[in-house]
Amino acid sequence: MEITKAEYLISSPNVELCPKPDRPEYAFIGRSNVGKSSLINMITGQSKLAKTSNSPGKTQMINHFMINKAFYFVDLPGYGFAKVSQSQRAKWEKMISNYLQQRDNLMTVFVLIDSRHEPQNLDLEFLRKLGAWGIPFNIIFTKADKVTQREASKNAKWFIEAMKKEWEYIPRAFMTSAIKFLGRKDILSFIEETNETFTMPEKE
C-alpha cells in the first residue's frame, strides 16, 4: 500500500467530538517527545502533516488525519506528560482513556517506545492499562538512527523480554527511523492487512 493523500482533519478535546467512526482508525501514543508526529509524517510521506516540536507536550488534543480517504491516523498526547499542572494532567488522562475505551473503530494502538533506552516502567504500565481495557496494540520502536543498530536491537529485545514476563501473547513490533524511513513499508503492509478486517461498528 502507498499513501497518496493525507490531510489534517480535526483536533478534538474529547472523544464525543471526534469524526464519525465510519472507517478504520489507528492511534499513535507514547511518552512525551518519543517522536509520534515525526513518525506519522514519515509514514505518510508528508514532512509537515503532524506538527513536531522539540518541547514535550506539543500535542494536547485528539488529532485526526484522513489517509487515502479510507482510514484515520490519530496523534494522541504523550503520557508521562510534560511539565503541566496536576489538573491539566488529569484532564489529558481522562481524555485519552475515554478515547481509547470508547472509539469503536479503533483497529490498533501503536505504542511508541524510544529505542535508545532500556525498558521503562512508564511504558510497561501503559501497556498494562491497554490490556486491562482489552484494547489491541502494537509496538513501534522509534529513533533507531540515534544509536547503533546493535544498541537499538538490544533495547528492543530487552523490552520484549520484559513484556514476556507478563504477557502470553506478544504483538507485532516495528523498528523505525523517521530520518531513514526505516519500518515504513512494514507498517503500511500491516495497516493494509488490518484494514481488510474492519467491520462497521453497530449503531446503538
N, C-alpha and C. Protein backbone atom coordinates (compact mmCIF):
# COMPACT_ATOMS: atom_id res chain seq x y z
N MET A 1 0.84 -1.20 0.00
CA MET A 1 0.00 0.00 0.00
C MET A 1 0.88 1.25 0.00
N GLU A 2 0.47 2.23 -0.76
CA GLU A 2 1.11 3.54 -0.73
C GLU A 2 0.09 4.60 -0.32
N ILE A 3 0.56 5.61 0.38
CA ILE A 3 -0.31 6.70 0.78
C ILE A 3 -0.24 7.79 -0.29
N THR A 4 -1.37 8.04 -0.92
CA THR A 4 -1.44 9.03 -2.00
C THR A 4 -2.03 10.36 -1.53
N LYS A 5 -2.77 10.31 -0.41
CA LYS A 5 -3.36 11.54 0.11
C LYS A 5 -3.47 11.46 1.62
N ALA A 6 -2.97 12.46 2.29
CA ALA A 6 -3.05 12.54 3.75
C ALA A 6 -3.32 13.98 4.13
N GLU A 7 -4.34 14.20 4.93
CA GLU A 7 -4.70 15.57 5.29
C GLU A 7 -5.16 15.66 6.74
N TYR A 8 -4.81 16.77 7.37
CA TYR A 8 -5.28 17.04 8.72
C TYR A 8 -6.78 17.25 8.68
N LEU A 9 -7.48 16.65 9.66
CA LEU A 9 -8.94 16.74 9.67
C LEU A 9 -9.46 17.62 10.80
N ILE A 10 -9.14 17.24 12.05
CA ILE A 10 -9.71 17.97 13.18
C ILE A 10 -8.94 17.64 14.46
N SER A 11 -8.93 18.57 15.40
CA SER A 11 -8.41 18.34 16.74
C SER A 11 -9.58 18.41 17.72
N SER A 12 -9.77 17.34 18.48
CA SER A 12 -10.93 17.24 19.36
C SER A 12 -10.52 17.21 20.82
N PRO A 13 -11.22 17.97 21.69
CA PRO A 13 -10.90 17.96 23.12
C PRO A 13 -11.47 16.76 23.86
N ASN A 14 -12.37 16.02 23.21
CA ASN A 14 -12.91 14.81 23.82
C ASN A 14 -13.41 13.87 22.73
N VAL A 15 -13.65 12.61 23.10
CA VAL A 15 -13.99 11.58 22.12
C VAL A 15 -15.34 11.85 21.46
N GLU A 16 -16.24 12.52 22.18
CA GLU A 16 -17.56 12.79 21.63
C GLU A 16 -17.52 13.69 20.39
N LEU A 17 -16.47 14.49 20.27
CA LEU A 17 -16.36 15.42 19.15
C LEU A 17 -15.50 14.89 18.00
N CYS A 18 -15.03 13.64 18.12
CA CYS A 18 -14.23 13.04 17.06
C CYS A 18 -15.10 12.75 15.83
N PRO A 19 -14.47 12.57 14.67
CA PRO A 19 -15.24 12.23 13.46
C PRO A 19 -16.04 10.94 13.64
N LYS A 20 -17.04 10.74 12.79
CA LYS A 20 -17.83 9.52 12.85
C LYS A 20 -16.91 8.30 12.72
N PRO A 21 -17.17 7.25 13.49
CA PRO A 21 -16.33 6.05 13.44
C PRO A 21 -16.69 5.16 12.25
N ASP A 22 -16.58 5.73 11.05
CA ASP A 22 -17.08 5.05 9.86
C ASP A 22 -15.99 4.42 9.01
N ARG A 23 -14.76 4.36 9.53
CA ARG A 23 -13.66 3.74 8.79
C ARG A 23 -12.57 3.34 9.79
N PRO A 24 -11.64 2.49 9.38
CA PRO A 24 -10.61 2.03 10.31
C PRO A 24 -9.79 3.19 10.87
N GLU A 25 -9.33 3.01 12.12
CA GLU A 25 -8.59 4.08 12.79
C GLU A 25 -7.37 3.51 13.51
N TYR A 26 -6.26 4.24 13.42
CA TYR A 26 -5.01 3.81 14.03
C TYR A 26 -4.46 4.96 14.88
N ALA A 27 -4.31 4.70 16.18
CA ALA A 27 -3.86 5.74 17.09
C ALA A 27 -2.38 5.56 17.40
N PHE A 28 -1.69 6.68 17.58
CA PHE A 28 -0.27 6.69 17.92
C PHE A 28 -0.09 7.38 19.27
N ILE A 29 0.60 6.68 20.18
CA ILE A 29 0.80 7.25 21.50
C ILE A 29 2.14 6.76 22.06
N GLY A 30 2.68 7.51 22.99
CA GLY A 30 3.95 7.13 23.62
C GLY A 30 4.32 8.20 24.63
N ARG A 31 5.46 8.02 25.27
CA ARG A 31 5.92 9.05 26.20
C ARG A 31 6.11 10.37 25.47
N SER A 32 6.00 11.44 26.21
CA SER A 32 6.21 12.76 25.62
C SER A 32 7.56 12.83 24.92
N ASN A 33 7.55 13.36 23.70
CA ASN A 33 8.76 13.56 22.91
C ASN A 33 9.39 12.26 22.40
N VAL A 34 8.56 11.22 22.24
CA VAL A 34 9.07 9.94 21.72
C VAL A 34 9.16 9.94 20.20
N GLY A 35 8.54 10.95 19.56
CA GLY A 35 8.63 11.06 18.11
C GLY A 35 7.37 10.68 17.37
N LYS A 36 6.21 10.88 18.00
CA LYS A 36 4.94 10.49 17.36
C LYS A 36 4.68 11.26 16.06
N SER A 37 4.76 12.58 16.16
CA SER A 37 4.45 13.39 14.99
C SER A 37 5.43 13.13 13.85
N SER A 38 6.71 12.99 14.18
CA SER A 38 7.72 12.69 13.16
C SER A 38 7.44 11.35 12.49
N LEU A 39 7.00 10.37 13.27
CA LEU A 39 6.70 9.06 12.72
C LEU A 39 5.51 9.12 11.77
N ILE A 40 4.45 9.83 12.18
CA ILE A 40 3.28 9.98 11.32
C ILE A 40 3.67 10.67 10.01
N ASN A 41 4.50 11.69 10.10
CA ASN A 41 4.96 12.38 8.89
C ASN A 41 5.77 11.45 7.99
N MET A 42 6.58 10.61 8.60
CA MET A 42 7.39 9.66 7.83
C MET A 42 6.51 8.64 7.12
N ILE A 43 5.54 8.09 7.84
CA ILE A 43 4.67 7.06 7.26
C ILE A 43 3.85 7.62 6.11
N THR A 44 3.35 8.85 6.29
CA THR A 44 2.51 9.44 5.25
C THR A 44 3.31 10.08 4.13
N GLY A 45 4.61 10.29 4.36
CA GLY A 45 5.44 10.93 3.35
C GLY A 45 5.23 12.42 3.25
N GLN A 46 4.64 13.02 4.30
CA GLN A 46 4.43 14.46 4.33
C GLN A 46 5.13 15.05 5.54
N SER A 47 6.16 15.81 5.32
CA SER A 47 7.03 16.26 6.40
C SER A 47 6.37 17.24 7.36
N LYS A 48 5.27 17.87 6.95
CA LYS A 48 4.64 18.87 7.80
C LYS A 48 3.19 18.55 8.13
N LEU A 49 2.78 17.28 7.96
CA LEU A 49 1.39 16.91 8.24
C LEU A 49 1.07 17.07 9.72
N ALA A 50 1.83 16.37 10.56
CA ALA A 50 1.67 16.49 12.02
C ALA A 50 2.71 17.46 12.54
N LYS A 51 2.31 18.34 13.44
CA LYS A 51 3.22 19.35 13.96
C LYS A 51 4.22 18.73 14.92
N THR A 52 5.50 18.95 14.65
CA THR A 52 6.55 18.42 15.50
C THR A 52 7.13 19.53 16.37
N SER A 53 7.73 19.13 17.48
CA SER A 53 8.33 20.10 18.39
C SER A 53 9.40 19.41 19.23
N ASN A 54 10.43 20.15 19.57
CA ASN A 54 11.45 19.63 20.49
C ASN A 54 10.98 19.72 21.94
N SER A 55 9.90 20.45 22.18
CA SER A 55 9.38 20.61 23.53
C SER A 55 8.29 19.57 23.79
N PRO A 56 8.41 18.75 24.84
CA PRO A 56 7.38 17.78 25.16
C PRO A 56 6.04 18.46 25.42
N GLY A 57 4.96 17.76 25.08
CA GLY A 57 3.64 18.29 25.38
C GLY A 57 3.02 19.11 24.27
N LYS A 58 3.60 19.06 23.07
CA LYS A 58 3.07 19.84 21.95
C LYS A 58 1.66 19.38 21.59
N THR A 59 1.46 18.06 21.54
CA THR A 59 0.14 17.51 21.22
C THR A 59 -0.73 17.53 22.47
N GLN A 60 -1.87 18.22 22.39
CA GLN A 60 -2.71 18.36 23.58
C GLN A 60 -4.15 17.93 23.34
N MET A 61 -4.49 17.55 22.12
CA MET A 61 -5.85 17.09 21.82
C MET A 61 -5.79 15.81 20.99
N ILE A 62 -6.95 15.31 20.63
CA ILE A 62 -7.06 14.11 19.79
C ILE A 62 -7.04 14.59 18.34
N ASN A 63 -5.93 14.38 17.65
CA ASN A 63 -5.74 14.93 16.31
C ASN A 63 -5.98 13.86 15.25
N HIS A 64 -6.99 14.09 14.42
CA HIS A 64 -7.34 13.14 13.36
C HIS A 64 -6.77 13.58 12.00
N PHE A 65 -6.27 12.59 11.27
CA PHE A 65 -5.80 12.78 9.90
C PHE A 65 -6.50 11.77 9.01
N MET A 66 -6.98 12.23 7.85
CA MET A 66 -7.62 11.34 6.88
C MET A 66 -6.55 10.83 5.91
N ILE A 67 -6.47 9.51 5.77
CA ILE A 67 -5.46 8.89 4.93
C ILE A 67 -6.13 8.17 3.76
N ASN A 68 -5.75 8.57 2.56
CA ASN A 68 -6.29 7.96 1.33
C ASN A 68 -7.82 7.96 1.29
N LYS A 69 -8.43 8.84 2.06
CA LYS A 69 -9.89 8.90 2.19
C LYS A 69 -10.48 7.56 2.61
N ALA A 70 -9.65 6.71 3.23
CA ALA A 70 -10.07 5.35 3.55
C ALA A 70 -9.92 5.01 5.03
N PHE A 71 -9.01 5.67 5.74
CA PHE A 71 -8.83 5.36 7.15
C PHE A 71 -8.22 6.56 7.87
N TYR A 72 -8.24 6.50 9.20
CA TYR A 72 -7.76 7.61 10.02
C TYR A 72 -6.44 7.26 10.72
N PHE A 73 -5.57 8.25 10.84
CA PHE A 73 -4.47 8.23 11.79
C PHE A 73 -4.86 9.20 12.91
N VAL A 74 -4.49 8.86 14.14
CA VAL A 74 -4.78 9.74 15.27
C VAL A 74 -3.51 9.96 16.09
N ASP A 75 -3.15 11.22 16.26
CA ASP A 75 -1.99 11.61 17.06
C ASP A 75 -2.52 12.00 18.43
N LEU A 76 -2.16 11.20 19.46
CA LEU A 76 -2.64 11.45 20.82
C LEU A 76 -1.56 12.13 21.65
N PRO A 77 -1.97 12.86 22.70
CA PRO A 77 -0.98 13.44 23.62
C PRO A 77 -0.12 12.34 24.24
N GLY A 78 1.12 12.67 24.53
CA GLY A 78 2.00 11.70 25.15
C GLY A 78 1.63 11.45 26.60
N TYR A 79 1.94 10.27 27.10
CA TYR A 79 1.75 10.01 28.52
C TYR A 79 3.08 10.29 29.23
N GLY A 80 3.03 10.34 30.57
CA GLY A 80 4.20 10.77 31.31
C GLY A 80 4.46 12.23 31.02
N PHE A 81 3.41 12.98 31.03
CA PHE A 81 3.30 14.28 30.41
C PHE A 81 4.43 15.26 30.71
N ALA A 82 4.49 16.27 29.90
CA ALA A 82 5.45 17.35 30.08
C ALA A 82 5.12 18.10 31.38
N LYS A 83 5.86 19.13 31.64
CA LYS A 83 5.65 19.88 32.89
C LYS A 83 4.36 20.68 32.81
N VAL A 84 3.28 20.05 33.27
CA VAL A 84 1.98 20.72 33.28
C VAL A 84 1.38 20.55 34.68
N SER A 85 0.32 21.29 34.93
CA SER A 85 -0.33 21.24 36.23
C SER A 85 -1.02 19.89 36.45
N GLN A 86 -1.29 19.58 37.70
CA GLN A 86 -1.98 18.33 38.03
C GLN A 86 -3.36 18.28 37.39
N SER A 87 -4.05 19.41 37.37
CA SER A 87 -5.38 19.46 36.79
C SER A 87 -5.34 19.22 35.28
N GLN A 88 -4.33 19.79 34.61
CA GLN A 88 -4.19 19.58 33.17
C GLN A 88 -3.82 18.13 32.89
N ARG A 89 -2.98 17.57 33.71
CA ARG A 89 -2.58 16.17 33.53
C ARG A 89 -3.79 15.25 33.68
N ALA A 90 -4.60 15.50 34.71
CA ALA A 90 -5.80 14.68 34.94
C ALA A 90 -6.77 14.81 33.76
N LYS A 91 -6.86 16.01 33.22
CA LYS A 91 -7.75 16.26 32.08
C LYS A 91 -7.29 15.47 30.86
N TRP A 92 -5.98 15.48 30.60
CA TRP A 92 -5.44 14.72 29.47
C TRP A 92 -5.64 13.23 29.66
N GLU A 93 -5.38 12.74 30.89
CA GLU A 93 -5.53 11.31 31.16
C GLU A 93 -6.96 10.85 30.91
N LYS A 94 -7.92 11.64 31.36
CA LYS A 94 -9.33 11.29 31.15
C LYS A 94 -9.68 11.30 29.66
N MET A 95 -9.19 12.31 28.95
CA MET A 95 -9.46 12.41 27.52
C MET A 95 -8.90 11.19 26.78
N ILE A 96 -7.66 10.80 27.10
CA ILE A 96 -7.03 9.68 26.42
C ILE A 96 -7.74 8.37 26.76
N SER A 97 -8.02 8.13 28.05
CA SER A 97 -8.66 6.88 28.44
C SER A 97 -10.06 6.75 27.85
N ASN A 98 -10.81 7.84 27.83
CA ASN A 98 -12.15 7.81 27.22
C ASN A 98 -12.07 7.51 25.73
N TYR A 99 -11.12 8.14 25.06
CA TYR A 99 -10.95 7.89 23.63
C TYR A 99 -10.63 6.42 23.38
N LEU A 100 -9.65 5.90 24.08
CA LEU A 100 -9.19 4.53 23.84
C LEU A 100 -10.29 3.51 24.13
N GLN A 101 -11.10 3.76 25.14
CA GLN A 101 -12.12 2.79 25.54
C GLN A 101 -13.43 2.93 24.79
N GLN A 102 -13.66 4.08 24.17
CA GLN A 102 -14.97 4.32 23.55
C GLN A 102 -14.94 4.38 22.03
N ARG A 103 -13.77 4.39 21.43
CA ARG A 103 -13.68 4.55 19.97
C ARG A 103 -13.84 3.18 19.31
N ASP A 104 -15.04 2.90 18.80
CA ASP A 104 -15.40 1.57 18.30
C ASP A 104 -14.65 1.15 17.05
N ASN A 105 -14.15 2.10 16.28
CA ASN A 105 -13.48 1.77 15.02
C ASN A 105 -11.97 1.70 15.16
N LEU A 106 -11.48 1.76 16.39
CA LEU A 106 -10.03 1.72 16.65
C LEU A 106 -9.50 0.32 16.38
N MET A 107 -8.65 0.20 15.38
CA MET A 107 -8.14 -1.11 14.98
C MET A 107 -6.96 -1.53 15.83
N THR A 108 -6.07 -0.61 16.12
CA THR A 108 -4.94 -0.88 17.00
C THR A 108 -4.37 0.43 17.50
N VAL A 109 -3.70 0.36 18.63
CA VAL A 109 -2.94 1.49 19.15
C VAL A 109 -1.47 1.18 18.90
N PHE A 110 -0.81 2.05 18.18
CA PHE A 110 0.63 1.93 18.01
C PHE A 110 1.29 2.62 19.20
N VAL A 111 1.90 1.82 20.08
CA VAL A 111 2.58 2.38 21.25
C VAL A 111 4.05 2.58 20.89
N LEU A 112 4.49 3.82 20.95
CA LEU A 112 5.85 4.15 20.53
C LEU A 112 6.81 4.07 21.71
N ILE A 113 7.90 3.37 21.50
CA ILE A 113 8.92 3.16 22.52
C ILE A 113 10.26 3.67 21.97
N ASP A 114 10.95 4.48 22.75
CA ASP A 114 12.23 5.04 22.34
C ASP A 114 13.31 3.95 22.37
N SER A 115 13.86 3.62 21.21
CA SER A 115 14.82 2.51 21.12
C SER A 115 16.18 2.85 21.74
N ARG A 116 16.37 4.09 22.16
CA ARG A 116 17.64 4.49 22.77
C ARG A 116 17.74 4.06 24.22
N HIS A 117 16.61 3.64 24.81
CA HIS A 117 16.59 3.38 26.25
C HIS A 117 16.25 1.94 26.60
N GLU A 118 16.68 1.51 27.76
CA GLU A 118 16.26 0.23 28.31
C GLU A 118 14.78 0.32 28.69
N PRO A 119 14.12 -0.82 28.94
CA PRO A 119 12.69 -0.80 29.27
C PRO A 119 12.35 0.17 30.40
N GLN A 120 11.31 0.96 30.18
CA GLN A 120 10.88 1.95 31.16
C GLN A 120 9.55 1.50 31.78
N ASN A 121 9.45 1.61 33.10
CA ASN A 121 8.22 1.21 33.79
C ASN A 121 7.00 1.96 33.29
N LEU A 122 7.19 3.22 32.91
CA LEU A 122 6.07 4.04 32.44
C LEU A 122 5.43 3.41 31.20
N ASP A 123 6.25 2.91 30.29
CA ASP A 123 5.73 2.26 29.08
C ASP A 123 5.04 0.94 29.41
N LEU A 124 5.68 0.14 30.25
CA LEU A 124 5.09 -1.16 30.62
C LEU A 124 3.78 -0.98 31.36
N GLU A 125 3.69 0.05 32.19
CA GLU A 125 2.46 0.33 32.91
C GLU A 125 1.34 0.73 31.96
N PHE A 126 1.68 1.50 30.93
CA PHE A 126 0.65 1.89 29.96
C PHE A 126 0.13 0.66 29.20
N LEU A 127 1.02 -0.26 28.87
CA LEU A 127 0.58 -1.49 28.20
C LEU A 127 -0.35 -2.29 29.10
N ARG A 128 -0.09 -2.28 30.40
CA ARG A 128 -0.99 -2.98 31.32
C ARG A 128 -2.40 -2.37 31.28
N LYS A 129 -2.47 -1.06 31.17
CA LYS A 129 -3.77 -0.40 31.07
C LYS A 129 -4.50 -0.85 29.81
N LEU A 130 -3.78 -0.87 28.69
CA LEU A 130 -4.41 -1.30 27.45
C LEU A 130 -4.91 -2.74 27.58
N GLY A 131 -4.12 -3.59 28.23
CA GLY A 131 -4.53 -4.97 28.43
C GLY A 131 -5.78 -5.07 29.29
N ALA A 132 -5.83 -4.28 30.35
CA ALA A 132 -6.99 -4.29 31.24
C ALA A 132 -8.25 -3.81 30.52
N TRP A 133 -8.05 -2.88 29.58
CA TRP A 133 -9.19 -2.35 28.82
C TRP A 133 -9.53 -3.22 27.60
N GLY A 134 -8.70 -4.21 27.32
CA GLY A 134 -8.95 -5.08 26.17
C GLY A 134 -8.74 -4.40 24.83
N ILE A 135 -7.77 -3.50 24.77
CA ILE A 135 -7.53 -2.73 23.54
C ILE A 135 -6.32 -3.30 22.80
N PRO A 136 -6.48 -3.66 21.53
CA PRO A 136 -5.34 -4.20 20.77
C PRO A 136 -4.26 -3.15 20.55
N PHE A 137 -3.01 -3.59 20.60
CA PHE A 137 -1.91 -2.65 20.38
C PHE A 137 -0.74 -3.35 19.71
N ASN A 138 0.11 -2.54 19.12
CA ASN A 138 1.38 -2.99 18.55
C ASN A 138 2.47 -2.03 19.02
N ILE A 139 3.69 -2.48 18.93
CA ILE A 139 4.83 -1.69 19.42
C ILE A 139 5.60 -1.11 18.24
N ILE A 140 5.95 0.16 18.33
CA ILE A 140 6.83 0.78 17.35
C ILE A 140 8.02 1.37 18.10
N PHE A 141 9.20 0.84 17.84
CA PHE A 141 10.41 1.39 18.42
C PHE A 141 10.88 2.54 17.54
N THR A 142 11.12 3.70 18.13
CA THR A 142 11.46 4.91 17.38
C THR A 142 12.94 5.29 17.55
N LYS A 143 13.36 6.21 16.70
CA LYS A 143 14.67 6.86 16.78
C LYS A 143 15.84 5.89 16.67
N ALA A 144 15.68 4.87 15.83
CA ALA A 144 16.74 3.88 15.66
C ALA A 144 17.99 4.48 15.04
N ASP A 145 17.87 5.64 14.40
CA ASP A 145 19.02 6.29 13.79
C ASP A 145 19.88 7.04 14.83
N LYS A 146 19.35 7.18 16.04
CA LYS A 146 20.06 7.95 17.07
C LYS A 146 21.10 7.12 17.82
N VAL A 147 21.04 5.80 17.66
CA VAL A 147 22.00 4.90 18.30
C VAL A 147 22.47 3.88 17.25
N THR A 148 23.41 3.03 17.62
CA THR A 148 23.84 1.99 16.69
C THR A 148 22.73 0.96 16.52
N GLN A 149 22.76 0.28 15.40
CA GLN A 149 21.77 -0.76 15.14
C GLN A 149 21.79 -1.82 16.25
N ARG A 150 22.99 -2.14 16.71
CA ARG A 150 23.14 -3.14 17.77
C ARG A 150 22.46 -2.69 19.06
N GLU A 151 22.66 -1.42 19.42
CA GLU A 151 22.07 -0.92 20.66
C GLU A 151 20.55 -0.85 20.57
N ALA A 152 20.03 -0.39 19.43
CA ALA A 152 18.59 -0.33 19.24
C ALA A 152 17.97 -1.72 19.33
N SER A 153 18.60 -2.69 18.68
CA SER A 153 18.11 -4.06 18.70
C SER A 153 18.15 -4.64 20.11
N LYS A 154 19.23 -4.33 20.85
CA LYS A 154 19.37 -4.83 22.22
C LYS A 154 18.27 -4.28 23.12
N ASN A 155 18.00 -2.98 23.02
CA ASN A 155 16.97 -2.37 23.86
C ASN A 155 15.59 -2.89 23.49
N ALA A 156 15.34 -3.10 22.20
CA ALA A 156 14.06 -3.65 21.76
C ALA A 156 13.89 -5.07 22.31
N LYS A 157 14.94 -5.86 22.25
CA LYS A 157 14.89 -7.23 22.76
C LYS A 157 14.60 -7.23 24.25
N TRP A 158 15.27 -6.35 24.99
CA TRP A 158 15.04 -6.26 26.43
C TRP A 158 13.60 -5.88 26.74
N PHE A 159 13.04 -4.98 25.94
CA PHE A 159 11.66 -4.57 26.18
C PHE A 159 10.70 -5.74 25.95
N ILE A 160 10.91 -6.47 24.86
CA ILE A 160 10.06 -7.62 24.57
C ILE A 160 10.20 -8.68 25.67
N GLU A 161 11.42 -8.88 26.14
CA GLU A 161 11.65 -9.84 27.23
C GLU A 161 10.90 -9.41 28.50
N ALA A 162 10.89 -8.11 28.77
CA ALA A 162 10.16 -7.60 29.92
C ALA A 162 8.66 -7.85 29.76
N MET A 163 8.16 -7.71 28.54
CA MET A 163 6.74 -7.97 28.27
C MET A 163 6.41 -9.45 28.48
N LYS A 164 7.30 -10.32 28.08
CA LYS A 164 7.04 -11.76 28.16
C LYS A 164 6.84 -12.24 29.60
N LYS A 165 7.30 -11.46 30.56
CA LYS A 165 7.11 -11.82 31.96
C LYS A 165 5.65 -11.66 32.38
N GLU A 166 4.89 -10.86 31.61
CA GLU A 166 3.50 -10.58 31.98
C GLU A 166 2.49 -10.97 30.90
N TRP A 167 2.94 -11.05 29.66
CA TRP A 167 2.01 -11.26 28.56
C TRP A 167 2.21 -12.63 27.92
N GLU A 168 1.09 -13.33 27.66
CA GLU A 168 1.17 -14.60 26.95
C GLU A 168 1.40 -14.37 25.47
N TYR A 169 0.76 -13.34 24.95
CA TYR A 169 0.87 -13.03 23.52
C TYR A 169 1.62 -11.71 23.34
N ILE A 170 2.64 -11.74 22.53
CA ILE A 170 3.41 -10.53 22.23
C ILE A 170 3.01 -10.03 20.85
N PRO A 171 2.49 -8.81 20.76
CA PRO A 171 2.07 -8.29 19.45
C PRO A 171 3.25 -8.00 18.54
N ARG A 172 2.94 -7.63 17.32
CA ARG A 172 3.99 -7.31 16.37
C ARG A 172 4.72 -6.04 16.77
N ALA A 173 6.02 -6.01 16.53
CA ALA A 173 6.83 -4.84 16.84
C ALA A 173 7.58 -4.39 15.60
N PHE A 174 7.75 -3.09 15.46
CA PHE A 174 8.42 -2.50 14.30
C PHE A 174 9.56 -1.60 14.78
N MET A 175 10.70 -1.71 14.13
CA MET A 175 11.83 -0.81 14.39
C MET A 175 11.78 0.30 13.35
N THR A 176 11.85 1.56 13.79
CA THR A 176 11.69 2.66 12.85
C THR A 176 12.72 3.77 13.04
N SER A 177 12.89 4.51 11.97
CA SER A 177 13.64 5.76 11.99
C SER A 177 12.92 6.73 11.07
N ALA A 178 12.47 7.85 11.64
CA ALA A 178 11.79 8.86 10.83
C ALA A 178 12.75 9.51 9.83
N ILE A 179 14.03 9.49 10.16
CA ILE A 179 15.03 10.10 9.28
C ILE A 179 15.33 9.19 8.08
N LYS A 180 15.48 7.90 8.34
CA LYS A 180 15.88 6.96 7.30
C LYS A 180 14.70 6.21 6.67
N PHE A 181 13.46 6.54 7.09
CA PHE A 181 12.26 5.88 6.59
C PHE A 181 12.25 4.38 6.90
N LEU A 182 13.00 3.99 7.92
CA LEU A 182 13.05 2.60 8.34
C LEU A 182 11.71 2.18 8.93
N GLY A 183 11.21 1.03 8.52
CA GLY A 183 9.98 0.48 9.06
C GLY A 183 8.71 0.91 8.35
N ARG A 184 8.80 1.89 7.46
CA ARG A 184 7.61 2.43 6.81
C ARG A 184 6.84 1.37 6.02
N LYS A 185 7.56 0.62 5.20
CA LYS A 185 6.92 -0.38 4.35
C LYS A 185 6.21 -1.44 5.18
N ASP A 186 6.85 -1.91 6.24
CA ASP A 186 6.26 -2.95 7.08
C ASP A 186 5.01 -2.45 7.80
N ILE A 187 5.04 -1.21 8.28
CA ILE A 187 3.87 -0.65 8.97
C ILE A 187 2.70 -0.49 8.00
N LEU A 188 2.99 0.01 6.80
CA LEU A 188 1.93 0.18 5.81
C LEU A 188 1.33 -1.16 5.39
N SER A 189 2.16 -2.18 5.27
CA SER A 189 1.65 -3.52 4.94
C SER A 189 0.75 -4.04 6.04
N PHE A 190 1.16 -3.83 7.28
CA PHE A 190 0.35 -4.25 8.42
C PHE A 190 -1.00 -3.53 8.42
N ILE A 191 -0.99 -2.23 8.17
CA ILE A 191 -2.24 -1.46 8.13
C ILE A 191 -3.14 -1.95 7.01
N GLU A 192 -2.56 -2.22 5.86
CA GLU A 192 -3.34 -2.72 4.73
C GLU A 192 -4.03 -4.04 5.08
N GLU A 193 -3.30 -4.94 5.72
CA GLU A 193 -3.87 -6.22 6.14
C GLU A 193 -4.98 -6.01 7.17
N THR A 194 -4.74 -5.11 8.11
CA THR A 194 -5.70 -4.88 9.19
C THR A 194 -6.96 -4.20 8.67
N ASN A 195 -6.81 -3.30 7.70
CA ASN A 195 -7.98 -2.64 7.11
C ASN A 195 -8.99 -3.64 6.56
N GLU A 196 -8.50 -4.75 6.05
CA GLU A 196 -9.37 -5.75 5.45
C GLU A 196 -10.26 -6.44 6.48
N THR A 197 -9.92 -6.33 7.75
CA THR A 197 -10.72 -6.97 8.80
C THR A 197 -11.75 -6.01 9.41
N PHE A 198 -11.78 -4.77 8.93
CA PHE A 198 -12.67 -3.76 9.51
C PHE A 198 -14.13 -4.05 9.21
N THR A 199 -14.96 -3.95 10.23
CA THR A 199 -16.42 -4.01 10.05
C THR A 199 -17.01 -2.78 10.70
N MET A 200 -18.05 -2.24 10.10
CA MET A 200 -18.67 -1.01 10.60
C MET A 200 -19.26 -1.25 11.99
N PRO A 201 -18.92 -0.39 12.96
CA PRO A 201 -19.50 -0.53 14.31
C PRO A 201 -21.02 -0.44 14.25
N GLU A 202 -21.66 -1.28 15.08
CA GLU A 202 -23.13 -1.25 15.11
C GLU A 202 -23.61 0.02 15.82
N LYS A 203 -24.69 0.59 15.28
CA LYS A 203 -25.26 1.79 15.88
C LYS A 203 -26.02 1.41 17.13
N GLU A 204 -25.85 2.23 18.17
CA GLU A 204 -26.55 1.95 19.43
C GLU A 204 -27.99 2.42 19.35
